[in-house]
Structure formats: structure tokens, C-alpha cells
PDB file of N, CA and C in Angstrom:
ATOM      1  N   MET A   1      13.797 131.035  42.942  1.00  0.00           N
ATOM      2  CA  MET A   1      12.706 130.459  43.025  1.00  0.00           C
ATOM      3  C   MET A   1      12.353 130.350  44.572  1.00  0.00           C
ATOM      4  N   THR A   2      11.065 130.727  44.820  1.00  0.00           N
ATOM      5  CA  THR A   2      10.784 130.871  46.205  1.00  0.00           C
ATOM      6  C   THR A   2      10.147 129.500  46.931  1.00  0.00           C
ATOM      7  N   HIS A   3       9.914 129.288  48.115  1.00  0.00           N
ATOM      8  CA  HIS A   3       9.435 127.901  48.402  1.00  0.00           C
ATOM      9  C   HIS A   3       7.850 128.044  47.925  1.00  0.00           C
ATOM     10  N   ASP A   4       7.116 129.156  47.884  1.00  0.00           N
ATOM     11  CA  ASP A   4       5.910 129.090  47.227  1.00  0.00           C
ATOM     12  C   ASP A   4       5.908 128.754  46.040  1.00  0.00           C
ATOM     13  N   ASP A   5       6.703 129.200  45.325  1.00  0.00           N
ATOM     14  CA  ASP A   5       6.999 128.775  43.748  1.00  0.00           C
ATOM     15  C   ASP A   5       7.103 127.253  43.407  1.00  0.00           C
ATOM     16  N   LEU A   6       8.145 126.750  44.630  1.00  0.00           N
ATOM     17  CA  LEU A   6       8.304 125.284  44.427  1.00  0.00           C
ATOM     18  C   LEU A   6       6.930 124.396  44.868  1.00  0.00           C
ATOM     19  N   TYR A   7       6.021 124.878  45.786  1.00  0.00           N
ATOM     20  CA  TYR A   7       4.948 124.325  46.117  1.00  0.00           C
ATOM     21  C   TYR A   7       3.948 124.335  45.069  1.00  0.00           C
ATOM     22  N   GLU A   8       3.821 125.429  44.450  1.00  0.00           N
ATOM     23  CA  GLU A   8       3.095 125.671  43.207  1.00  0.00           C
ATOM     24  C   GLU A   8       3.322 124.608  42.202  1.00  0.00           C
ATOM     25  N   LEU A   9       4.462 124.546  42.037  1.00  0.00           N
ATOM     26  CA  LEU A   9       4.981 123.588  40.788  1.00  0.00           C
ATOM     27  C   LEU A   9       4.636 122.167  41.136  1.00  0.00           C
ATOM     28  N   PHE A  10       4.958 121.756  42.256  1.00  0.00           N
ATOM     29  CA  PHE A  10       4.787 120.469  42.708  1.00  0.00           C
ATOM     30  C   PHE A  10       3.236 120.011  43.056  1.00  0.00           C
ATOM     31  N   ARG A  11       2.531 120.954  43.700  1.00  0.00           N
ATOM     32  CA  ARG A  11       1.071 120.782  44.162  1.00  0.00           C
ATOM     33  C   ARG A  11       0.172 120.245  43.202  1.00  0.00           C
ATOM     34  N   PRO A  12       0.300 120.300  41.856  1.00  0.00           N
ATOM     35  CA  PRO A  12      -0.761 119.790  41.201  1.00  0.00           C
ATOM     36  C   PRO A  12      -0.467 118.051  41.026  1.00  0.00           C
ATOM     37  N   LEU A  13       0.623 117.626  41.333  1.00  0.00           N
ATOM     38  CA  LEU A  13       1.031 116.258  41.078  1.00  0.00           C
ATOM     39  C   LEU A  13       1.111 115.653  42.620  1.00  0.00           C
ATOM     40  N   ALA A  14       1.713 116.320  43.420  1.00  0.00           N
ATOM     41  CA  ALA A  14       1.595 115.512  44.501  1.00  0.00           C
ATOM     42  C   ALA A  14       1.872 116.228  45.915  1.00  0.00           C
ATOM     43  N   PRO A  15       1.754 116.120  47.212  1.00  0.00           N
ATOM     44  CA  PRO A  15       1.901 116.779  48.307  1.00  0.00           C
ATOM     45  C   PRO A  15       3.453 116.636  48.734  1.00  0.00           C
ATOM     46  N   VAL A  16       4.271 117.720  48.703  1.00  0.00           N
ATOM     47  CA  VAL A  16       5.901 117.751  49.067  1.00  0.00           C
ATOM     48  C   VAL A  16       6.065 118.320  50.224  1.00  0.00           C
ATOM     49  N   SER A  17       7.342 118.153  50.675  1.00  0.00           N
ATOM     50  CA  SER A  17       7.656 118.806  51.628  1.00  0.00           C
ATOM     51  C   SER A  17       8.929 119.457  51.289  1.00  0.00           C
ATOM     52  N   LEU A  18       9.372 120.480  51.835  1.00  0.00           N
ATOM     53  CA  LEU A  18      10.828 121.269  51.348  1.00  0.00           C
ATOM     54  C   LEU A  18      11.653 121.458  52.460  1.00  0.00           C
ATOM     55  N   LYS A  19      12.922 121.435  52.192  1.00  0.00           N
ATOM     56  CA  LYS A  19      13.724 121.585  53.345  1.00  0.00           C
ATOM     57  C   LYS A  19      14.807 122.161  52.648  1.00  0.00           C
ATOM     58  N   ARG A  20      15.487 123.456  53.711  1.00  0.00           N
ATOM     59  CA  ARG A  20      16.756 123.950  52.997  1.00  0.00           C
ATOM     60  C   ARG A  20      18.021 123.146  53.243  1.00  0.00           C
ATOM     61  N   MET A  21      18.924 123.266  52.022  1.00  0.00           N
ATOM     62  CA  MET A  21      19.939 122.129  52.210  1.00  0.00           C
ATOM     63  C   MET A  21      21.184 122.841  51.308  1.00  0.00           C
ATOM     64  N   PHE A  22      22.375 122.925  51.603  1.00  0.00           N
ATOM     65  CA  PHE A  22      23.479 123.305  50.993  1.00  0.00           C
ATOM     66  C   PHE A  22      23.178 124.450  49.868  1.00  0.00           C
ATOM     67  N   GLY A  23      22.724 125.556  50.370  1.00  0.00           N
ATOM     68  CA  GLY A  23      22.444 126.816  49.552  1.00  0.00           C
ATOM     69  C   GLY A  23      21.263 126.637  48.599  1.00  0.00           C
ATOM     70  N   GLY A  24      20.431 125.458  48.862  1.00  0.00           N
ATOM     71  CA  GLY A  24      18.926 125.472  48.005  1.00  0.00           C
ATOM     72  C   GLY A  24      18.199 124.843  48.719  1.00  0.00           C
ATOM     73  N   THR A  25      17.309 124.119  48.205  1.00  0.00           N
ATOM     74  CA  THR A  25      16.041 123.445  48.832  1.00  0.00           C
ATOM     75  C   THR A  25      16.201 122.173  48.063  1.00  0.00           C
ATOM     76  N   GLY A  26      15.649 121.044  49.100  1.00  0.00           N
ATOM     77  CA  GLY A  26      15.303 119.722  48.853  1.00  0.00           C
ATOM     78  C   GLY A  26      13.831 119.663  48.753  1.00  0.00           C
ATOM     79  N   VAL A  27      13.200 118.881  47.731  1.00  0.00           N
ATOM     80  CA  VAL A  27      12.085 118.450  47.665  1.00  0.00           C
ATOM     81  C   VAL A  27      11.783 117.236  47.756  1.00  0.00           C
ATOM     82  N   TYR A  28      10.722 116.820  48.878  1.00  0.00           N
ATOM     83  CA  TYR A  28      10.658 115.524  49.294  1.00  0.00           C
ATOM     84  C   TYR A  28       9.152 114.904  49.155  1.00  0.00           C
ATOM     85  N   LEU A  29       8.984 113.880  48.854  1.00  0.00           N
ATOM     86  CA  LEU A  29       7.864 112.965  48.725  1.00  0.00           C
ATOM     87  C   LEU A  29       7.763 111.842  49.450  1.00  0.00           C
ATOM     88  N   ASP A  30       7.025 111.613  50.389  1.00  0.00           N
ATOM     89  CA  ASP A  30       6.985 110.424  51.116  1.00  0.00           C
ATOM     90  C   ASP A  30       8.353 110.142  51.757  1.00  0.00           C
ATOM     91  N   GLY A  31       8.942 111.264  52.353  1.00  0.00           N
ATOM     92  CA  GLY A  31      10.368 111.393  53.160  1.00  0.00           C
ATOM     93  C   GLY A  31      11.432 110.996  52.156  1.00  0.00           C
ATOM     94  N   ARG A  32      11.168 110.917  50.947  1.00  0.00           N
ATOM     95  CA  ARG A  32      12.357 110.683  49.834  1.00  0.00           C
ATOM     96  C   ARG A  32      12.691 111.812  48.950  1.00  0.00           C
ATOM     97  N   ILE A  33      13.901 112.283  48.779  1.00  0.00           N
ATOM     98  CA  ILE A  33      14.028 113.452  48.236  1.00  0.00           C
ATOM     99  C   ILE A  33      13.872 113.014  46.526  1.00  0.00           C
ATOM    100  N   ILE A  34      13.202 113.819  45.726  1.00  0.00           N
ATOM    101  CA  ILE A  34      12.901 113.965  44.631  1.00  0.00           C
ATOM    102  C   ILE A  34      13.471 114.819  43.436  1.00  0.00           C
ATOM    103  N   ALA A  35      13.856 116.223  44.383  1.00  0.00           N
ATOM    104  CA  ALA A  35      14.359 117.114  43.402  1.00  0.00           C
ATOM    105  C   ALA A  35      14.893 118.001  44.258  1.00  0.00           C
ATOM    106  N   ILE A  36      15.866 118.729  43.781  1.00  0.00           N
ATOM    107  CA  ILE A  36      16.947 119.875  44.352  1.00  0.00           C
ATOM    108  C   ILE A  36      16.453 121.341  43.458  1.00  0.00           C
ATOM    109  N   GLU A  37      16.621 122.478  44.249  1.00  0.00           N
ATOM    110  CA  GLU A  37      16.239 123.634  43.750  1.00  0.00           C
ATOM    111  C   GLU A  37      17.587 124.325  44.225  1.00  0.00           C
ATOM    112  N   ILE A  38      18.258 124.686  43.167  1.00  0.00           N
ATOM    113  CA  ILE A  38      19.481 125.667  43.230  1.00  0.00           C
ATOM    114  C   ILE A  38      19.679 126.783  42.504  1.00  0.00           C
ATOM    115  N   ASP A  39      19.750 128.229  43.028  1.00  0.00           N
ATOM    116  CA  ASP A  39      19.838 129.134  42.306  1.00  0.00           C
ATOM    117  C   ASP A  39      18.494 129.406  41.265  1.00  0.00           C
ATOM    118  N   GLY A  40      17.515 128.902  41.451  1.00  0.00           N
ATOM    119  CA  GLY A  40      16.127 128.962  40.856  1.00  0.00           C
ATOM    120  C   GLY A  40      16.169 127.737  39.719  1.00  0.00           C
ATOM    121  N   VAL A  41      16.923 126.956  39.811  1.00  0.00           N
ATOM    122  CA  VAL A  41      16.890 126.016  38.607  1.00  0.00           C
ATOM    123  C   VAL A  41      16.381 124.702  39.548  1.00  0.00           C
ATOM    124  N   VAL A  42      15.554 123.849  39.156  1.00  0.00           N
ATOM    125  CA  VAL A  42      15.107 122.584  39.510  1.00  0.00           C
ATOM    126  C   VAL A  42      15.714 121.523  39.124  1.00  0.00           C
ATOM    127  N   TYR A  43      16.337 120.632  39.623  1.00  0.00           N
ATOM    128  CA  TYR A  43      17.180 119.390  39.405  1.00  0.00           C
ATOM    129  C   TYR A  43      16.459 118.387  39.707  1.00  0.00           C
ATOM    130  N   LEU A  44      15.851 117.273  38.865  1.00  0.00           N
ATOM    131  CA  LEU A  44      15.172 115.980  39.402  1.00  0.00           C
ATOM    132  C   LEU A  44      15.831 114.986  39.420  1.00  0.00           C
ATOM    133  N   LYS A  45      15.633 114.115  40.403  1.00  0.00           N
ATOM    134  CA  LYS A  45      16.253 112.793  40.723  1.00  0.00           C
ATOM    135  C   LYS A  45      16.285 111.897  39.547  1.00  0.00           C
ATOM    136  N   ALA A  46      17.610 111.401  39.247  1.00  0.00           N
ATOM    137  CA  ALA A  46      17.477 110.316  38.274  1.00  0.00           C
ATOM    138  C   ALA A  46      18.419 109.198  38.949  1.00  0.00           C
ATOM    139  N   ASP A  47      18.074 108.094  38.230  1.00  0.00           N
ATOM    140  CA  ASP A  47      18.956 106.817  38.636  1.00  0.00           C
ATOM    141  C   ASP A  47      19.348 106.283  37.461  1.00  0.00           C
ATOM    142  N   GLN A  48      20.121 104.723  37.719  1.00  0.00           N
ATOM    143  CA  GLN A  48      20.618 104.028  36.730  1.00  0.00           C
ATOM    144  C   GLN A  48      19.454 103.986  35.459  1.00  0.00           C
ATOM    145  N   GLU A  49      18.193 103.794  35.935  1.00  0.00           N
ATOM    146  CA  GLU A  49      16.950 103.536  34.998  1.00  0.00           C
ATOM    147  C   GLU A  49      16.695 104.617  34.325  1.00  0.00           C
ATOM    148  N   THR A  50      16.947 105.768  34.817  1.00  0.00           N
ATOM    149  CA  THR A  50      15.983 107.076  34.379  1.00  0.00           C
ATOM    150  C   THR A  50      17.202 108.252  33.796  1.00  0.00           C
ATOM    151  N   GLN A  51      18.210 107.911  34.139  1.00  0.00           N
ATOM    152  CA  GLN A  51      19.406 108.983  33.754  1.00  0.00           C
ATOM    153  C   GLN A  51      19.357 108.950  32.168  1.00  0.00           C
ATOM    154  N   GLY A  52      19.203 107.787  31.388  1.00  0.00           N
ATOM    155  CA  GLY A  52      19.509 108.031  29.815  1.00  0.00           C
ATOM    156  C   GLY A  52      18.220 108.848  29.287  1.00  0.00           C
ATOM    157  N   ARG A  53      17.061 108.860  29.867  1.00  0.00           N
ATOM    158  CA  ARG A  53      15.779 109.808  29.688  1.00  0.00           C
ATOM    159  C   ARG A  53      16.176 111.373  29.744  1.00  0.00           C
ATOM    160  N   PHE A  54      16.845 111.563  30.758  1.00  0.00           N
ATOM    161  CA  PHE A  54      17.425 112.943  31.073  1.00  0.00           C
ATOM    162  C   PHE A  54      18.342 113.275  29.648  1.00  0.00           C
ATOM    163  N   GLU A  55      19.384 112.411  29.791  1.00  0.00           N
ATOM    164  CA  GLU A  55      20.481 112.672  28.709  1.00  0.00           C
ATOM    165  C   GLU A  55      19.894 112.684  27.315  1.00  0.00           C
ATOM    166  N   GLU A  56      18.908 111.945  26.959  1.00  0.00           N
ATOM    167  CA  GLU A  56      18.374 112.213  25.626  1.00  0.00           C
ATOM    168  C   GLU A  56      17.745 113.446  25.248  1.00  0.00           C
ATOM    169  N   GLU A  57      17.092 114.133  26.153  1.00  0.00           N
ATOM    170  CA  GLU A  57      16.571 115.363  26.036  1.00  0.00           C
ATOM    171  C   GLU A  57      17.736 116.584  26.049  1.00  0.00           C
ATOM    172  N   GLY A  58      19.073 116.227  26.350  1.00  0.00           N
ATOM    173  CA  GLY A  58      20.107 116.985  26.482  1.00  0.00           C
ATOM    174  C   GLY A  58      20.012 117.632  27.658  1.00  0.00           C
ATOM    175  N   LEU A  59      19.282 117.306  28.852  1.00  0.00           N
ATOM    176  CA  LEU A  59      19.334 117.917  30.200  1.00  0.00           C
ATOM    177  C   LEU A  59      20.568 117.641  30.859  1.00  0.00           C
ATOM    178  N   LYS A  60      21.281 118.651  31.582  1.00  0.00           N
ATOM    179  CA  LYS A  60      22.524 118.917  32.186  1.00  0.00           C
ATOM    180  C   LYS A  60      22.211 118.447  33.682  1.00  0.00           C
ATOM    181  N   PRO A  61      23.071 117.525  34.143  1.00  0.00           N
ATOM    182  CA  PRO A  61      23.208 117.053  35.383  1.00  0.00           C
ATOM    183  C   PRO A  61      23.659 118.489  36.552  1.00  0.00           C
ATOM    184  N   PHE A  62      23.194 118.201  37.891  1.00  0.00           N
ATOM    185  CA  PHE A  62      23.766 119.137  38.604  1.00  0.00           C
ATOM    186  C   PHE A  62      25.441 118.864  38.893  1.00  0.00           C
ATOM    187  N   THR A  63      26.043 119.969  39.063  1.00  0.00           N
ATOM    188  CA  THR A  63      27.400 119.764  39.364  1.00  0.00           C
ATOM    189  C   THR A  63      27.895 120.754  40.141  1.00  0.00           C
ATOM    190  N   TYR A  64      28.925 120.491  41.341  1.00  0.00           N
ATOM    191  CA  TYR A  64      29.359 121.571  41.960  1.00  0.00           C
ATOM    192  C   TYR A  64      31.075 121.172  42.178  1.00  0.00           C
ATOM    193  N   GLU A  65      31.646 122.251  42.749  1.00  0.00           N
ATOM    194  CA  GLU A  65      33.006 122.041  42.910  1.00  0.00           C
ATOM    195  C   GLU A  65      33.267 121.649  44.394  1.00  0.00           C
ATOM    196  N   ALA A  66      34.460 120.750  44.396  1.00  0.00           N
ATOM    197  CA  ALA A  66      34.753 120.188  45.621  1.00  0.00           C
ATOM    198  C   ALA A  66      36.082 119.645  45.638  1.00  0.00           C
ATOM    199  N   LYS A  67      36.990 120.623  46.560  1.00  0.00           N
ATOM    200  CA  LYS A  67      38.283 119.940  46.779  1.00  0.00           C
ATOM    201  C   LYS A  67      38.962 119.977  45.374  1.00  0.00           C
ATOM    202  N   GLY A  68      38.729 121.222  44.556  1.00  0.00           N
ATOM    203  CA  GLY A  68      39.378 121.260  43.400  1.00  0.00           C
ATOM    204  C   GLY A  68      38.660 120.336  42.017  1.00  0.00           C
ATOM    205  N   LYS A  69      37.400 119.690  42.448  1.00  0.00           N
ATOM    206  CA  LYS A  69      37.078 118.742  41.387  1.00  0.00           C
ATOM    207  C   LYS A  69      35.834 118.976  41.086  1.00  0.00           C
ATOM    208  N   THR A  70      35.336 118.662  39.819  1.00  0.00           N
ATOM    209  CA  THR A  70      33.899 118.986  39.776  1.00  0.00           C
ATOM    210  C   THR A  70      33.283 117.646  39.902  1.00  0.00           C
ATOM    211  N   MET A  71      32.098 117.623  40.853  1.00  0.00           N
ATOM    212  CA  MET A  71      31.534 116.644  41.255  1.00  0.00           C
ATOM    213  C   MET A  71      30.125 116.688  40.644  1.00  0.00           C
ATOM    214  N   THR A  72      29.514 115.328  40.124  1.00  0.00           N
ATOM    215  CA  THR A  72      28.244 115.552  39.297  1.00  0.00           C
ATOM    216  C   THR A  72      27.415 114.489  40.202  1.00  0.00           C
ATOM    217  N   MET A  73      26.126 115.031  40.447  1.00  0.00           N
ATOM    218  CA  MET A  73      25.309 114.213  41.158  1.00  0.00           C
ATOM    219  C   MET A  73      24.037 113.894  40.264  1.00  0.00           C
ATOM    220  N   ARG A  74      23.306 112.848  40.520  1.00  0.00           N
ATOM    221  CA  ARG A  74      22.369 112.287  39.424  1.00  0.00           C
ATOM    222  C   ARG A  74      20.881 113.066  39.888  1.00  0.00           C
ATOM    223  N   TYR A  75      21.109 114.244  39.605  1.00  0.00           N
ATOM    224  CA  TYR A  75      19.944 115.208  39.650  1.00  0.00           C
ATOM    225  C   TYR A  75      20.077 115.853  38.242  1.00  0.00           C
ATOM    226  N   TYR A  76      18.837 115.853  37.497  1.00  0.00           N
ATOM    227  CA  TYR A  76      19.407 116.712  36.118  1.00  0.00           C
ATOM    228  C   TYR A  76      18.214 117.877  35.909  1.00  0.00           C
ATOM    229  N   GLN A  77      18.599 118.959  35.286  1.00  0.00           N
ATOM    230  CA  GLN A  77      17.734 119.966  35.177  1.00  0.00           C
ATOM    231  C   GLN A  77      16.460 119.412  34.444  1.00  0.00           C
ATOM    232  N   MET A  78      15.493 120.270  35.160  1.00  0.00           N
ATOM    233  CA  MET A  78      14.075 120.013  34.605  1.00  0.00           C
ATOM    234  C   MET A  78      14.031 121.131  33.318  1.00  0.00           C
ATOM    235  N   PRO A  79      13.098 120.236  32.174  1.00  0.00           N
ATOM    236  CA  PRO A  79      12.859 120.985  30.954  1.00  0.00           C
ATOM    237  C   PRO A  79      12.064 122.065  31.250  1.00  0.00           C
ATOM    238  N   ASP A  80      12.559 123.266  30.314  1.00  0.00           N
ATOM    239  CA  ASP A  80      12.051 124.454  30.650  1.00  0.00           C
ATOM    240  C   ASP A  80      10.445 124.638  30.542  1.00  0.00           C
ATOM    241  N   GLU A  81       9.819 123.751  29.591  1.00  0.00           N
ATOM    242  CA  GLU A  81       8.344 123.806  29.281  1.00  0.00           C
ATOM    243  C   GLU A  81       7.864 123.131  30.674  1.00  0.00           C
ATOM    244  N   ALA A  82       8.176 122.394  31.472  1.00  0.00           N
ATOM    245  CA  ALA A  82       7.620 121.639  32.702  1.00  0.00           C
ATOM    246  C   ALA A  82       7.603 122.644  33.645  1.00  0.00           C
ATOM    247  N   TYR A  83       8.309 123.663  33.828  1.00  0.00           N
ATOM    248  CA  TYR A  83       7.838 124.891  34.719  1.00  0.00           C
ATOM    249  C   TYR A  83       6.430 125.409  34.346  1.00  0.00           C
ATOM    250  N   GLU A  84       6.128 125.802  33.376  1.00  0.00           N
ATOM    251  CA  GLU A  84       4.776 126.386  32.969  1.00  0.00           C
ATOM    252  C   GLU A  84       3.569 125.462  32.877  1.00  0.00           C
ATOM    253  N   ASP A  85       3.701 124.068  32.559  1.00  0.00           N
ATOM    254  CA  ASP A  85       2.670 123.330  32.203  1.00  0.00           C
ATOM    255  C   ASP A  85       2.656 121.942  32.955  1.00  0.00           C
ATOM    256  N   PRO A  86       1.730 121.434  33.898  1.00  0.00           N
ATOM    257  CA  PRO A  86       1.700 120.464  34.463  1.00  0.00           C
ATOM    258  C   PRO A  86       1.789 119.236  33.719  1.00  0.00           C
ATOM    259  N   ASP A  87       0.947 119.268  32.459  1.00  0.00           N
ATOM    260  CA  ASP A  87       1.007 118.283  31.865  1.00  0.00           C
ATOM    261  C   ASP A  87       2.456 117.917  31.254  1.00  0.00           C
ATOM    262  N   ALA A  88       3.290 118.706  30.983  1.00  0.00           N
ATOM    263  CA  ALA A  88       4.438 118.632  30.465  1.00  0.00           C
ATOM    264  C   ALA A  88       5.345 118.282  31.703  1.00  0.00           C
ATOM    265  N   PHE A  89       5.224 118.803  32.756  1.00  0.00           N
ATOM    266  CA  PHE A  89       5.939 118.193  34.041  1.00  0.00           C
ATOM    267  C   PHE A  89       5.662 116.688  34.414  1.00  0.00           C
ATOM    268  N   ARG A  90       4.455 116.479  34.385  1.00  0.00           N
ATOM    269  CA  ARG A  90       4.087 115.157  34.999  1.00  0.00           C
ATOM    270  C   ARG A  90       4.931 113.983  34.756  1.00  0.00           C
ATOM    271  N   PRO A  91       5.559 113.568  33.309  1.00  0.00           N
ATOM    272  CA  PRO A  91       6.416 112.665  33.127  1.00  0.00           C
ATOM    273  C   PRO A  91       7.758 112.603  33.715  1.00  0.00           C
ATOM    274  N   TRP A  92       8.322 113.817  33.951  1.00  0.00           N
ATOM    275  CA  TRP A  92       9.248 114.156  34.314  1.00  0.00           C
ATOM    276  C   TRP A  92       9.436 113.728  36.151  1.00  0.00           C
ATOM    277  N   PHE A  93       8.088 114.352  36.367  1.00  0.00           N
ATOM    278  CA  PHE A  93       8.118 114.115  38.001  1.00  0.00           C
ATOM    279  C   PHE A  93       8.036 112.637  38.498  1.00  0.00           C
ATOM    280  N   LYS A  94       7.230 111.786  37.384  1.00  0.00           N
ATOM    281  CA  LYS A  94       7.028 110.360  37.683  1.00  0.00           C
ATOM    282  C   LYS A  94       8.536 109.861  37.739  1.00  0.00           C
ATOM    283  N   LEU A  95       9.440 110.281  36.473  1.00  0.00           N
ATOM    284  CA  LEU A  95      10.678 109.601  36.526  1.00  0.00           C
ATOM    285  C   LEU A  95      11.228 109.806  37.961  1.00  0.00           C
ATOM    286  N   ALA A  96      11.298 111.064  38.355  1.00  0.00           N
ATOM    287  CA  ALA A  96      12.023 111.485  39.541  1.00  0.00           C
ATOM    288  C   ALA A  96      11.265 110.623  40.701  1.00  0.00           C
ATOM    289  N   ALA A  97      10.164 110.484  40.967  1.00  0.00           N
ATOM    290  CA  ALA A  97       9.475 109.816  42.061  1.00  0.00           C
ATOM    291  C   ALA A  97       9.624 108.462  41.843  1.00  0.00           C
ATOM    292  N   ASP A  98       9.952 108.000  40.774  1.00  0.00           N
ATOM    293  CA  ASP A  98      10.156 106.516  40.655  1.00  0.00           C
ATOM    294  C   ASP A  98      11.803 106.171  41.247  1.00  0.00           C
ATOM    295  N   ALA A  99      12.586 107.044  40.548  1.00  0.00           N
ATOM    296  CA  ALA A  99      14.014 107.004  41.168  1.00  0.00           C
ATOM    297  C   ALA A  99      14.171 107.030  42.436  1.00  0.00           C
ATOM    298  N   ALA A 100      13.391 108.019  43.248  1.00  0.00           N
ATOM    299  CA  ALA A 100      13.419 108.039  44.627  1.00  0.00           C
ATOM    300  C   ALA A 100      12.981 107.067  45.453  1.00  0.00           C
ATOM    301  N   GLY A 101      12.111 106.414  44.622  1.00  0.00           N
ATOM    302  CA  GLY A 101      11.232 105.176  45.144  1.00  0.00           C
ATOM    303  C   GLY A 101      12.222 104.118  45.358  1.00  0.00           C
ATOM    304  N   ARG A 102      13.148 104.016  44.369  1.00  0.00           N
ATOM    305  CA  ARG A 102      13.916 102.742  44.241  1.00  0.00           C
ATOM    306  C   ARG A 102      15.283 103.025  45.219  1.00  0.00           C
ATOM    307  N   ALA A 103      15.666 104.249  45.667  1.00  0.00           N
ATOM    308  CA  ALA A 103      16.804 104.590  46.627  1.00  0.00           C
ATOM    309  C   ALA A 103      16.420 104.257  47.913  1.00  0.00           C
ATOM    310  N   PRO A 104      17.360 103.475  48.520  1.00  0.00           N
ATOM    311  CA  PRO A 104      17.086 103.343  49.971  1.00  0.00           C
ATOM    312  C   PRO A 104      16.720 104.470  50.766  1.00  0.00           C
ATOM    313  N   LEU A 105      16.117 104.182  51.768  1.00  0.00           N
ATOM    314  CA  LEU A 105      15.723 105.510  52.736  1.00  0.00           C
ATOM    315  C   LEU A 105      16.903 105.566  53.690  1.00  0.00           C
ATOM    316  N   GLN A 106      17.170 107.063  53.860  1.00  0.00           N
ATOM    317  CA  GLN A 106      18.328 107.254  54.569  1.00  0.00           C
ATOM    318  C   GLN A 106      17.885 106.993  56.025  1.00  0.00           C
ATOM    319  N   LYS A 107      18.803 106.425  56.813  1.00  0.00           N
ATOM    320  CA  LYS A 107      18.394 106.274  58.298  1.00  0.00           C
ATOM    321  C   LYS A 107      18.737 107.580  58.953  1.00  0.00           C
ATOM    322  N   LYS A 108      17.826 108.048  59.928  1.00  0.00           N
ATOM    323  CA  LYS A 108      17.973 109.124  60.598  1.00  0.00           C
ATOM    324  C   LYS A 108      19.137 108.854  61.774  1.00  0.00           C
ATOM    325  N   LYS A 109      19.994 109.704  62.010  1.00  0.00           N
ATOM    326  CA  LYS A 109      21.027 109.576  63.102  1.00  0.00           C
ATOM    327  C   LYS A 109      20.374 109.811  64.602  1.00  0.00           C
ATOM    328  N   THR A 110      20.845 108.840  65.296  1.00  0.00           N
ATOM    329  CA  THR A 110      20.313 109.063  66.749  1.00  0.00           C
ATOM    330  C   THR A 110      21.339 109.729  67.579  1.00  0.00           C
ATOM    331  N   ALA A 111      21.109 110.500  68.638  1.00  0.00           N
ATOM    332  CA  ALA A 111      22.064 111.260  69.288  1.00  0.00           C
ATOM    333  C   ALA A 111      22.539 110.290  70.413  1.00  0.00           C
ATOM    334  N   ARG A 112      23.650 110.478  70.632  1.00  0.00           N
ATOM    335  CA  ARG A 112      24.301 109.805  71.663  1.00  0.00           C
ATOM    336  C   ARG A 112      24.189 110.282  73.052  1.00  0.00           C
TER     337      ARG A 112
END
């Protein structure tokens, strides 16, 4: 998925910014990360309040290998129909945006 594809996906719902990160792309709304794209798959941010909704739909979390262990992050695969239909994407976008809004903002590191 290209940067243009990500912009087109999110543009009908909100102005987002994109940032390359760990082999993929982070999607930010108002300075908060709401999604990541890895290998063409979009994973939406979840938290304790929203994780169950993603799991009810059978959506898989983002995982990666580190130091011989499988690590799981609270980002869940976006449903297939949400890629093509803004109306299908809207409730999932809202879940991700709400989860991001509840997360503390990361403070920028200052140079010494």
C-alpha cells in the first residue's frame, strides 16, 4: 500500500499525517497514532475499551518477533470491506481515533 493509498483511505474521514516507521507507516491524527500499515495491511489502534470489538469480529492483532518471542501490539487488522467502503470504515476509524485519544501523548525528546 502506497502513501497515496493510505491518504485516500483516511481522507474522507479526517486529515491524517503519515510517518515511516519500523518497516511500515504510522498514521497520525492530531499528533496521535491511530493506525499502522505493514506489508500492505492496515492495523487500527485499540485499547482496553475497544479491543473486544476487534476480537468479536475475529480480527487479528499485529505481532512481530523480538529476541525469540512473539510480541503482540494493540493494533488490529482492519476488516477487508473497510478498505473499499468509507461507510464500512467509519465505525472502525472511530474506534481507533477514540483509543488514540485516550492514550497519553508521547513527549518529544529534547537534544542535550
